[in-house]
Protein backbone atom coordinates (compact mmCIF):
# COMPACT_ATOMS: atom_id res chain seq x y z
CA MET A 1 90.13 121.99 60.02
CA LYS A 2 88.34 125.21 61.02
CA LYS A 3 85.15 123.28 61.80
CA ASN A 4 87.04 120.82 64.02
CA GLN A 5 88.75 123.65 65.87
CA ASP A 6 85.43 125.43 66.45
CA THR A 7 83.92 122.19 67.79
CA HIS A 8 86.91 121.77 70.10
CA GLN A 9 86.47 125.28 71.49
CA MET A 10 82.71 124.82 71.92
CA LEU A 11 83.32 121.86 74.24
CA GLY A 12 84.42 124.36 76.87
CA ASP A 13 86.99 121.98 78.38
CA GLN A 14 89.95 123.60 80.06
CA PRO A 15 93.45 122.83 78.81
CA ILE A 16 95.48 120.47 81.00
CA LEU A 17 98.70 121.36 82.81
CA LEU A 18 101.24 118.52 82.97
CA ARG A 19 104.66 118.07 84.51
CA LEU A 20 107.04 115.74 82.66
CA GLU A 21 110.13 114.70 84.61
CA LEU A 22 112.94 112.67 83.01
CA LEU A 23 114.35 110.57 85.84
CA ASN A 24 117.94 109.64 86.65
CA GLU A 25 117.58 106.73 89.06
CA TRP A 26 121.02 105.31 88.36
CA CYS A 27 123.09 108.49 88.65
CA SER A 28 125.63 109.12 91.41
CA GLU A 29 126.02 112.38 93.34
CA GLU A 30 128.95 113.23 91.09
CA ASP A 31 126.77 112.60 88.04
CA ILE A 32 124.10 114.91 89.43
CA GLU A 33 126.67 117.68 89.88
CA VAL A 34 127.65 117.32 86.22
CA LEU A 35 124.01 117.37 85.13
CA MET A 36 123.25 120.46 87.18
CA LYS A 37 126.29 122.36 85.92
CA TYR A 38 126.28 121.47 82.24
CA ALA A 39 122.63 120.56 81.56
CA GLN A 40 120.94 122.99 83.99
CA THR A 41 118.85 120.22 85.56
CA THR A 42 117.02 120.25 88.88
CA GLU A 43 118.88 119.69 92.14
CA ARG A 44 118.01 116.01 91.78
CA GLY A 45 119.58 115.89 88.34
CA THR A 46 116.25 115.44 86.56
CA ILE A 47 115.09 117.25 83.43
CA VAL A 48 111.65 118.85 83.67
CA ARG A 49 109.11 120.14 81.16
CA ASP A 50 105.87 121.80 82.26
CA ILE A 51 103.35 121.89 79.43
CA ILE A 52 99.76 122.81 78.69
CA ILE A 53 97.94 120.47 76.33
CA PRO A 54 94.48 120.52 74.69
CA SER A 55 91.92 118.76 76.85
CA ASP A 56 91.23 115.97 74.34
CA MET A 57 94.81 114.90 73.54
CA HIS A 58 95.39 111.13 73.43
CA LEU A 59 98.33 109.31 74.94
CA HIS A 60 99.37 108.51 71.37
CA HIS A 61 99.82 112.17 70.51
CA LEU A 62 101.42 112.95 73.87
CA HIS A 63 104.13 110.49 72.83
CA TYR A 64 105.15 112.82 69.99
CA VAL A 65 105.12 115.80 72.36
CA ILE A 66 107.53 114.00 74.68
CA GLN A 67 109.83 113.10 71.79
CA ARG A 68 110.09 116.74 70.78
CA LEU A 69 110.53 118.11 74.29
CA PHE A 70 113.45 115.88 75.25
CA GLY A 71 115.21 115.72 71.89
CA TRP A 72 114.59 112.12 70.84
CA GLN A 73 114.06 110.99 67.25
CA ASN A 74 111.17 108.51 67.57
CA SER A 75 113.52 105.67 66.63
CA HIS A 76 112.94 103.18 69.45
CA LEU A 77 110.11 101.32 71.18
CA ARG A 78 108.05 103.10 73.83
CA SER A 79 105.12 102.51 76.15
CA PHE A 80 102.80 104.29 78.55
CA GLU A 81 102.22 102.45 81.81
CA LEU A 82 100.77 102.95 85.25
CA ASP A 83 102.85 102.94 88.39
CA GLU A 84 103.45 99.44 89.75
CA LYS A 85 101.21 100.05 92.77
CA ASP A 86 98.32 101.09 90.51
CA ASN A 87 98.67 97.96 88.38
CA LEU A 88 98.54 95.92 91.58
CA ARG A 89 95.51 97.87 92.81
CA LEU A 90 93.61 97.25 89.57
CA THR A 91 94.54 93.64 88.86
CA GLY A 92 95.77 92.14 92.13
CA ASN A 93 98.56 90.74 89.92
CA ARG A 94 96.10 88.12 88.65
CA VAL A 95 95.59 87.05 85.03
CA ARG A 96 91.80 86.96 85.34
CA GLU A 97 91.49 90.60 86.49
CA TRP A 98 94.10 91.79 83.99
CA SER A 99 92.35 90.05 81.09
CA GLU A 100 89.06 91.75 81.94
CA LEU A 101 90.71 95.17 81.49
CA ALA A 102 92.26 94.32 78.12
CA GLY A 103 90.68 96.55 75.48
CA ILE A 104 89.46 98.92 78.19
CA LEU A 105 92.68 100.05 79.82
CA TYR A 106 95.50 97.69 78.82
CA ARG A 107 96.39 96.84 75.23
CA GLY A 108 96.23 93.15 75.98
CA VAL A 109 97.93 90.81 73.52
CA PRO A 110 97.98 92.59 70.13
CA ILE A 111 97.44 90.38 67.10
CA ASP A 112 99.35 92.86 64.93
CA GLU A 113 102.17 94.50 66.90
CA HIS A 114 103.09 96.52 63.80
CA ASP A 115 99.75 98.30 64.07
CA LYS A 116 101.01 100.12 67.17
CA PHE A 117 103.21 102.23 64.91
CA TRP A 118 100.53 102.99 62.31
CA ASP A 119 101.19 106.73 62.59
CA ASP A 120 104.93 106.61 61.90
CA GLU A 121 104.96 105.27 58.38
CA ASP A 122 104.28 108.58 56.67
CA TYR A 123 107.69 109.97 57.65
CA THR A 124 109.89 109.64 54.57
CA GLY A 125 112.49 112.27 55.36
CA GLY A 126 112.64 116.05 55.52
CA ASN A 127 112.26 118.25 58.57
CA PHE A 128 111.65 115.88 61.47
CA LYS A 129 110.50 118.62 63.85
CA ILE A 130 107.81 119.77 61.42
CA TRP A 131 106.64 116.17 61.06
CA LEU A 132 106.42 115.81 64.84
CA LYS A 133 104.50 119.06 65.14
CA LYS A 134 101.82 117.75 62.80
CA LYS A 135 101.46 114.70 65.02
CA TYR A 136 100.80 116.62 68.24
CA THR A 137 98.63 119.38 66.76
CA GLY A 138 94.86 118.77 66.81
CA PRO A 139 92.33 117.62 65.85
CA TYR A 140 93.26 114.24 67.34
CA GLU A 141 92.28 110.87 65.95
CA TYR A 142 93.57 107.40 66.67
CA GLY A 143 93.92 105.24 63.57
CA GLY A 144 95.20 101.92 64.90
CA TYR A 145 92.78 99.00 64.92
CA THR A 146 94.24 96.60 67.51
CA GLU A 147 93.01 98.85 70.35
CA ASP A 148 89.40 98.46 69.26
CA TYR A 149 87.60 96.64 72.03
CA ASP A 150 86.47 93.69 69.92
CA VAL A 151 89.93 93.20 68.43
CA ALA A 152 91.61 93.41 71.84
CA ARG A 153 89.14 90.89 73.25
CA GLU A 154 89.82 88.56 70.31
CA GLY A 155 93.51 88.62 71.22
CA ILE A 156 92.68 87.58 74.79
CA GLU A 157 90.36 84.82 73.56
CA ILE A 158 93.07 83.45 71.26
CA LEU A 159 95.55 83.41 74.16
CA MET A 160 93.10 81.56 76.41
CA LYS A 161 92.16 79.10 73.66
CA ASN A 162 95.75 78.28 72.72
CA CYS A 163 97.01 78.08 76.33
CA PRO A 164 94.13 76.90 78.53
CA MET A 165 96.62 75.09 80.77
CA VAL A 166 100.09 76.46 81.48
CA GLU A 167 103.20 74.75 82.77
CA VAL A 168 104.24 77.24 85.43
CA ARG A 169 108.02 77.65 85.44
CA GLU A 170 110.44 79.23 87.85
CA SER A 171 111.73 82.65 86.84
CA PHE A 172 115.15 83.03 85.27
CA TYR A 173 116.19 84.93 88.39
CA ASP A 174 115.18 82.03 90.62
CA PHE A 175 116.94 79.63 88.25
CA TYR A 176 120.11 81.72 88.44
CA GLU A 177 120.02 81.93 92.22
CA ARG A 178 119.41 78.19 92.51
CA THR A 179 122.24 77.20 90.16
CA LYS A 180 124.82 79.99 90.39
CA ASN A 181 127.21 77.90 92.49
CA LEU A 182 126.81 74.74 90.40
CA PRO A 183 129.14 73.75 87.55
CA GLN A 184 127.67 74.30 84.09
CA SER A 185 127.21 70.58 83.53
CA LYS A 186 124.89 70.33 86.55
CA LYS A 187 122.81 73.47 86.12
CA GLY A 188 120.11 71.70 84.15
CA SER A 189 117.16 73.77 82.92
CA VAL A 190 114.41 75.96 84.33
CA LYS A 191 112.11 73.94 86.59
CA THR A 192 108.44 73.34 85.87
CA LEU A 193 106.68 74.01 89.17
CA ARG A 194 103.16 72.87 88.33
CA LYS A 195 100.49 72.86 85.64
CA ALA A 196 97.47 75.14 86.13
CA PRO A 197 94.62 76.85 84.24
CA ILE A 198 95.86 80.12 82.74
CA MET A 199 93.07 82.10 84.41
CA ASP A 200 94.22 80.92 87.85
CA LEU A 201 97.76 82.25 87.47
CA THR A 202 99.36 85.40 88.77
CA LEU A 203 100.72 87.70 86.07
CA LYS A 204 104.26 86.96 87.24
CA GLU A 205 103.65 83.24 86.82
CA LEU A 206 102.29 83.90 83.34
CA THR A 207 105.24 86.01 82.16
CA ASP A 208 107.75 83.62 83.77
CA SER A 209 106.19 80.80 81.77
CA ILE A 210 105.26 82.40 78.44
CA SER A 211 107.26 84.99 76.49
CA PHE A 212 105.35 88.03 75.21
CA ASP A 213 106.51 90.64 72.70
CA SER A 214 105.29 93.55 74.83
CA ASP A 215 104.59 94.41 78.46
CA LEU A 216 101.18 93.18 79.58
CA PHE A 217 100.66 96.43 81.51
CA GLU A 218 101.08 98.63 78.45
CA LEU A 219 98.26 101.17 78.25
CA MET A 220 96.11 101.76 75.19
CA GLU A 221 97.31 104.90 73.44
CA LYS A 222 93.86 105.82 72.11
CA LEU A 223 92.85 106.84 75.64
CA GLU A 224 92.76 110.56 76.32
CA VAL A 225 95.11 111.93 78.95
CA ARG A 226 92.16 113.29 80.97
CA GLN A 227 90.57 109.80 81.05
CA ILE A 228 93.64 108.29 82.64
CA LEU A 229 95.43 110.96 84.65
CA GLY A 230 93.93 112.75 87.63
CA THR A 231 95.42 115.47 89.80
CA SER A 232 97.21 114.61 93.03
CA GLY A 233 94.12 115.42 95.09
CA SER A 234 91.56 113.66 92.92
CA SER A 235 89.71 110.52 93.93
CA LEU A 236 90.67 107.44 91.93
CA ALA A 237 88.11 104.87 90.86
CA ALA A 238 88.87 101.26 91.71
CA TYR A 239 87.79 100.41 88.15
CA LYS A 240 85.70 97.51 89.35
CA ASP A 241 82.65 99.05 87.67
CA LEU A 242 84.30 98.26 84.34
CA VAL A 243 85.03 94.68 85.30
CA ASN A 244 81.52 94.15 86.65
CA GLY A 245 79.94 95.52 83.49
CA GLU A 246 78.43 98.54 85.23
CA VAL A 247 80.05 100.93 82.72
CA ASN A 248 79.28 100.85 79.01
CA ILE A 249 82.73 100.06 77.66
CA HIS A 250 81.65 100.66 74.07
CA SER A 251 80.75 104.27 74.85
CA GLY A 252 84.43 105.19 75.35
CA VAL A 253 83.51 106.93 78.60
CA LEU A 254 85.62 105.80 81.54
CA PRO A 255 84.97 106.42 85.24
CA ASN A 256 87.11 108.74 87.33
CA PRO A 257 90.81 109.02 86.39
CA VAL A 258 92.73 105.81 86.92
CA THR A 259 95.96 107.21 88.32
CA ASN A 260 97.78 110.27 89.64
CA LYS A 261 100.98 109.36 87.81
CA LEU A 262 101.76 108.03 84.35
CA VAL A 263 105.06 106.44 83.37
CA TYR A 264 106.42 106.85 79.84
CA LYS A 265 109.24 104.48 78.87
CA TYR A 266 111.38 104.99 75.79
CA ASP A 267 114.18 102.88 74.32
CA PHE A 268 114.13 99.84 76.57
CA GLY A 269 117.90 99.47 76.12
CA ASP A 270 118.82 102.99 77.21
CA ASN A 271 115.89 102.82 79.64
CA TRP A 272 114.63 106.40 79.59
CA VAL A 273 111.77 106.96 82.06
CA VAL A 274 109.52 110.03 82.20
CA GLU A 275 107.06 110.49 85.05
CA ILE A 276 103.93 112.44 84.13
CA THR A 277 101.74 114.19 86.69
CA ARG A 278 98.85 116.60 86.36
CA LEU A 279 98.45 119.91 88.18
CA SER A 280 94.94 120.95 89.13
CA ASP A 281 95.42 124.72 89.11
CA MET A 282 96.63 126.47 85.95
CA ASN A 283 97.96 129.35 88.03
CA THR A 284 100.12 127.25 90.34
CA PHE A 285 103.33 128.40 88.67
CA VAL A 286 102.20 132.01 88.68
CA ARG A 287 101.74 131.98 92.44
CA GLN A 288 105.10 130.28 92.88
CA GLY A 289 106.77 132.91 90.73
CA VAL A 290 107.98 130.32 88.20
CA VAL A 291 106.17 132.05 85.31
CA ASP A 292 104.39 135.38 85.05
CA GLN A 293 100.65 135.77 84.49
CA GLU A 294 101.08 137.34 81.06
CA TRP A 295 102.99 134.36 79.69
CA MET A 296 100.57 131.88 81.25
CA ASP A 297 97.59 133.66 79.70
CA GLU A 298 99.34 133.76 76.33
CA ALA A 299 100.18 130.06 76.52
CA VAL A 300 96.59 129.10 77.33
CA GLY A 301 95.45 131.23 74.39
CA ILE A 302 97.84 129.40 72.03
CA VAL A 303 96.56 126.02 73.19
CA GLU A 304 92.94 126.99 72.71
CA GLU A 305 93.31 128.90 69.44
CA LYS A 306 95.97 126.82 67.64
CA TYR A 307 94.95 123.45 69.10
CA LYS A 308 98.52 122.61 70.06
CA PRO A 309 100.49 122.11 73.28
CA VAL A 310 102.78 124.76 74.74
CA CYS A 311 105.79 124.39 77.04
CA VAL A 312 105.44 127.03 79.77
CA HIS A 313 108.51 126.17 81.86
CA LYS A 314 111.56 123.93 81.61
CA MET A 315 114.66 122.90 83.50
CA GLY A 316 117.46 121.06 81.71
CA GLY A 317 118.56 120.79 78.11
CA TYR A 318 118.01 118.19 75.42
CA VAL A 319 119.21 114.60 75.55
CA MET A 320 119.53 112.34 72.50
CA ASP A 321 119.05 108.79 71.24
CA ASP A 322 121.66 106.04 71.59
CA VAL A 323 123.71 107.84 74.23
CA GLY A 324 123.24 105.16 76.88
CA GLY A 325 120.44 106.59 78.99
CA MET A 326 120.94 109.20 81.70
CA ARG A 327 124.30 107.86 82.84
CA GLY A 328 125.54 107.75 79.26
CA TYR A 329 124.29 111.29 78.77
CA THR A 330 126.25 112.34 81.86
CA ASP A 331 129.39 110.76 80.40
CA PHE A 332 128.68 112.60 77.15
CA LEU A 333 128.56 115.91 79.02
CA ARG A 334 131.90 115.10 80.65
CA GLY A 335 133.38 114.38 77.24
CA VAL A 336 132.09 117.61 75.73
CA TYR A 337 132.88 119.96 78.60
CA LEU A 338 135.55 118.36 80.80
CA HIS A 339 137.75 115.72 79.19
CA GLY A 340 139.57 115.11 75.94
CA ASP A 341 141.31 117.40 73.50
CA LYS A 342 139.67 119.87 71.16
CA GLU A 343 139.37 117.42 68.26
CA GLU A 344 137.75 114.75 70.43
CA LYS A 345 135.26 117.23 71.81
CA GLU A 346 134.43 118.47 68.33
CA ALA A 347 133.93 114.92 67.07
CA LEU A 348 131.61 114.19 70.00
CA ARG A 349 129.61 117.33 69.32
CA GLU A 350 129.37 116.45 65.63
CA TRP A 351 128.03 112.98 66.47
CA ALA A 352 125.54 114.43 68.95
CA GLY A 353 124.40 116.97 66.36
CA SER A 354 123.70 114.14 63.91
CA MET A 355 121.44 112.67 66.59
CA GLY A 356 119.49 115.92 66.87
CA TRP A 357 121.22 117.26 69.98
CA SER A 358 121.90 120.95 70.48
CA SER A 359 123.26 122.95 73.40
CA LYS A 360 121.55 126.12 72.20
CA LYS A 361 118.90 127.58 74.46
CA VAL A 362 115.44 127.48 72.93
CA ALA A 363 112.69 129.98 73.82
CA LEU A 364 109.65 128.42 75.48
CA LYS A 365 107.43 129.45 72.58
CA ASN A 366 109.62 127.42 70.22
CA MET A 367 109.87 124.25 72.29
CA LEU A 368 106.81 122.79 70.57
């Protein structure tokens, strides 16, 4: 371990400052007032964590950081994705361009979906927070095999071999709109629009016609945060060098950062969404008066010496699993602080506690 830490420090790479913002797109103004008052959120009703991470942290390990920071229990599906406009910029919404980035940027079509969770199987009970801490403390290695370039390409080749021609079907939304005023007996089935080579399809046509277990835009988690995420003022590569073979994909070295914003999705039922951005200047918060210089210097020292992330600033408390997303969390806060009798409130708190929730304030040093 000591040797790995020394090697990490010798690289001379600066730690990375990230902002993680848990969104609340479906909340009303009244909901936001509840969130601000009882969860100490931002004026938009969002929950924010500003963190410093080691320069070589992978998306895979950032996942565990996010779980700890927001109070989740790693018990549901998740994904890292680009913003919709970036996916469009890189692929043009076409199958051919998307397929060429499988194994480089996108996970593609995994042969073994279970392999995505290779790092979770060693949790057999005990202190969950300690287990998480081991996951996001360096040195960092990615142990899954389906993100290897050759394996990812094999998945694409199997898809193309098994489905060279595709019967393009209307989407379920279009089917609903077309038949919503018809009696059930006359609705019929989803229409087949045409038959076409799979490589000539748009991605929407592909997903309307074939069901996949995961989102085709899901990013590979073995990628380092610095390879993917640039600062707001950085220049983004069009990524065409990869497609044209002008970058050695086997070297693991990517061109300029792909995006200025990452999207982390967790529990596709509750639909939690965290936007991740990168700040270019480590002293931004010092100048703004959000944190003092002494704490910022100490935090950077912890990251470099202990090879672990540090939360330097936060707004908003913890949420929890299975509460129904941000709107459900808002209703939970109403139940705990506003409505119901004492016994009902106590029962609600007891349930929330069993899900890992706590209303206690946690010092920044102890957030991770």
